[in-house]
Amino acid sequence: MANYHIKKSSVLLAGTDVYYVEGNRWSDDFADRKIFTSETTAQNTISNTDGTNGGFSGASVVSE
């Protein structure tokens, strides 16, 4: 079964990816990333249907 994580480009460090950790925390350390066992759960985390989840703008779910 595949695992998934969420990543996006850093707004502070050009050319650097950051990885979702938990809550409103992101890290440029790949080892700190939150691992999801379900792609649906990861997609629901970055969902922004009401416009209040702007921290995930530009984020994508990546299969490991």
C-alpha atoms as a PDB file:
ATOM      1  CA  MET A   1       0.000   0.000   0.000  1.00  0.00           C
ATOM      2  CA  ALA A   2       1.340   3.435  -0.919  1.00  0.00           C
ATOM      3  CA  ASN A   3       2.016   6.255   1.505  1.00  0.00           C
ATOM      4  CA  TYR A   4       1.527   9.941   0.727  1.00  0.00           C
ATOM      5  CA  HIS A   5       2.796  13.299   1.916  1.00  0.00           C
ATOM      6  CA  ILE A   6       1.993  16.945   1.157  1.00  0.00           C
ATOM      7  CA  LYS A   7       4.553  19.343  -0.256  1.00  0.00           C
ATOM      8  CA  LYS A   8       4.726  22.830  -1.733  1.00  0.00           C
ATOM      9  CA  SER A   9       7.343  25.354  -2.766  1.00  0.00           C
ATOM     10  CA  SER A  10       8.692  27.516   0.031  1.00  0.00           C
ATOM     11  CA  VAL A  11       7.742  31.191  -0.116  1.00  0.00           C
ATOM     12  CA  LEU A  12      10.863  32.077   1.909  1.00  0.00           C
ATOM     13  CA  LEU A  13      13.556  29.953   0.280  1.00  0.00           C
ATOM     14  CA  ALA A  14      13.535  29.972  -3.519  1.00  0.00           C
ATOM     15  CA  GLY A  15      13.970  26.534  -5.040  1.00  0.00           C
ATOM     16  CA  THR A  16      13.181  24.740  -1.784  1.00  0.00           C
ATOM     17  CA  ASP A  17      10.274  22.401  -1.123  1.00  0.00           C
ATOM     18  CA  VAL A  18       8.578  22.294   2.264  1.00  0.00           C
ATOM     19  CA  TYR A  19       6.626  19.391   3.683  1.00  0.00           C
ATOM     20  CA  TYR A  20       3.476  19.435   5.787  1.00  0.00           C
ATOM     21  CA  VAL A  21       4.142  18.375   9.378  1.00  0.00           C
ATOM     22  CA  GLU A  22       0.928  19.020  11.359  1.00  0.00           C
ATOM     23  CA  GLY A  23      -1.501  21.835  12.132  1.00  0.00           C
ATOM     24  CA  ASN A  24       0.053  24.946  10.579  1.00  0.00           C
ATOM     25  CA  ARG A  25       3.635  23.618  10.632  1.00  0.00           C
ATOM     26  CA  TRP A  26       5.771  23.018   7.558  1.00  0.00           C
ATOM     27  CA  SER A  27       9.399  21.893   7.383  1.00  0.00           C
ATOM     28  CA  ASP A  28      12.108  21.826   4.731  1.00  0.00           C
ATOM     29  CA  ASP A  29      13.347  18.565   6.313  1.00  0.00           C
ATOM     30  CA  PHE A  30      11.854  15.627   4.399  1.00  0.00           C
ATOM     31  CA  ALA A  31      12.145  13.402   7.487  1.00  0.00           C
ATOM     32  CA  ASP A  32       9.733  15.665   9.422  1.00  0.00           C
ATOM     33  CA  ARG A  33       6.854  15.231   6.946  1.00  0.00           C
ATOM     34  CA  LYS A  34       3.508  13.768   7.994  1.00  0.00           C
ATOM     35  CA  ILE A  35       2.886  10.459   6.263  1.00  0.00           C
ATOM     36  CA  PHE A  36      -0.654   9.639   5.191  1.00  0.00           C
ATOM     37  CA  THR A  37      -1.715   6.059   4.469  1.00  0.00           C
ATOM     38  CA  SER A  38      -4.668   7.245   2.376  1.00  0.00           C
ATOM     39  CA  GLU A  39      -4.505   9.579  -0.627  1.00  0.00           C
ATOM     40  CA  THR A  40      -8.073  10.680   0.137  1.00  0.00           C
ATOM     41  CA  THR A  41      -7.105  11.798   3.645  1.00  0.00           C
ATOM     42  CA  ALA A  42      -4.168  13.784   2.278  1.00  0.00           C
ATOM     43  CA  GLN A  43      -6.354  15.381  -0.410  1.00  0.00           C
ATOM     44  CA  ASN A  44      -8.982  16.292   2.195  1.00  0.00           C
ATOM     45  CA  THR A  45      -6.268  17.967   4.283  1.00  0.00           C
ATOM     46  CA  ILE A  46      -5.365  20.382   1.470  1.00  0.00           C
ATOM     47  CA  SER A  47      -8.977  20.931   0.389  1.00  0.00           C
ATOM     48  CA  ASN A  48      -9.961  24.619   0.435  1.00  0.00           C
ATOM     49  CA  THR A  49     -13.652  24.647  -0.429  1.00  0.00           C
ATOM     50  CA  ASP A  50     -14.497  27.623   1.809  1.00  0.00           C
ATOM     51  CA  GLY A  51     -11.370  29.717   1.201  1.00  0.00           C
ATOM     52  CA  THR A  52     -10.062  29.475   4.769  1.00  0.00           C
ATOM     53  CA  ASN A  53      -7.266  26.977   4.120  1.00  0.00           C
ATOM     54  CA  GLY A  54      -4.865  29.329   2.329  1.00  0.00           C
ATOM     55  CA  GLY A  55      -1.763  27.788   3.911  1.00  0.00           C
ATOM     56  CA  PHE A  56      -2.154  24.882   1.504  1.00  0.00           C
ATOM     57  CA  SER A  57      -2.215  27.090  -1.587  1.00  0.00           C
ATOM     58  CA  GLY A  58       0.049  25.520  -4.186  1.00  0.00           C
ATOM     59  CA  ALA A  59       0.384  22.284  -2.187  1.00  0.00           C
ATOM     60  CA  SER A  60       0.162  18.857  -3.763  1.00  0.00           C
ATOM     61  CA  VAL A  61      -0.172  15.288  -2.557  1.00  0.00           C
ATOM     62  CA  VAL A  62       2.785  13.109  -3.476  1.00  0.00           C
ATOM     63  CA  SER A  63       2.866   9.307  -3.527  1.00  0.00           C
ATOM     64  CA  GLU A  64       5.928   7.732  -1.880  1.00  0.00           C
END
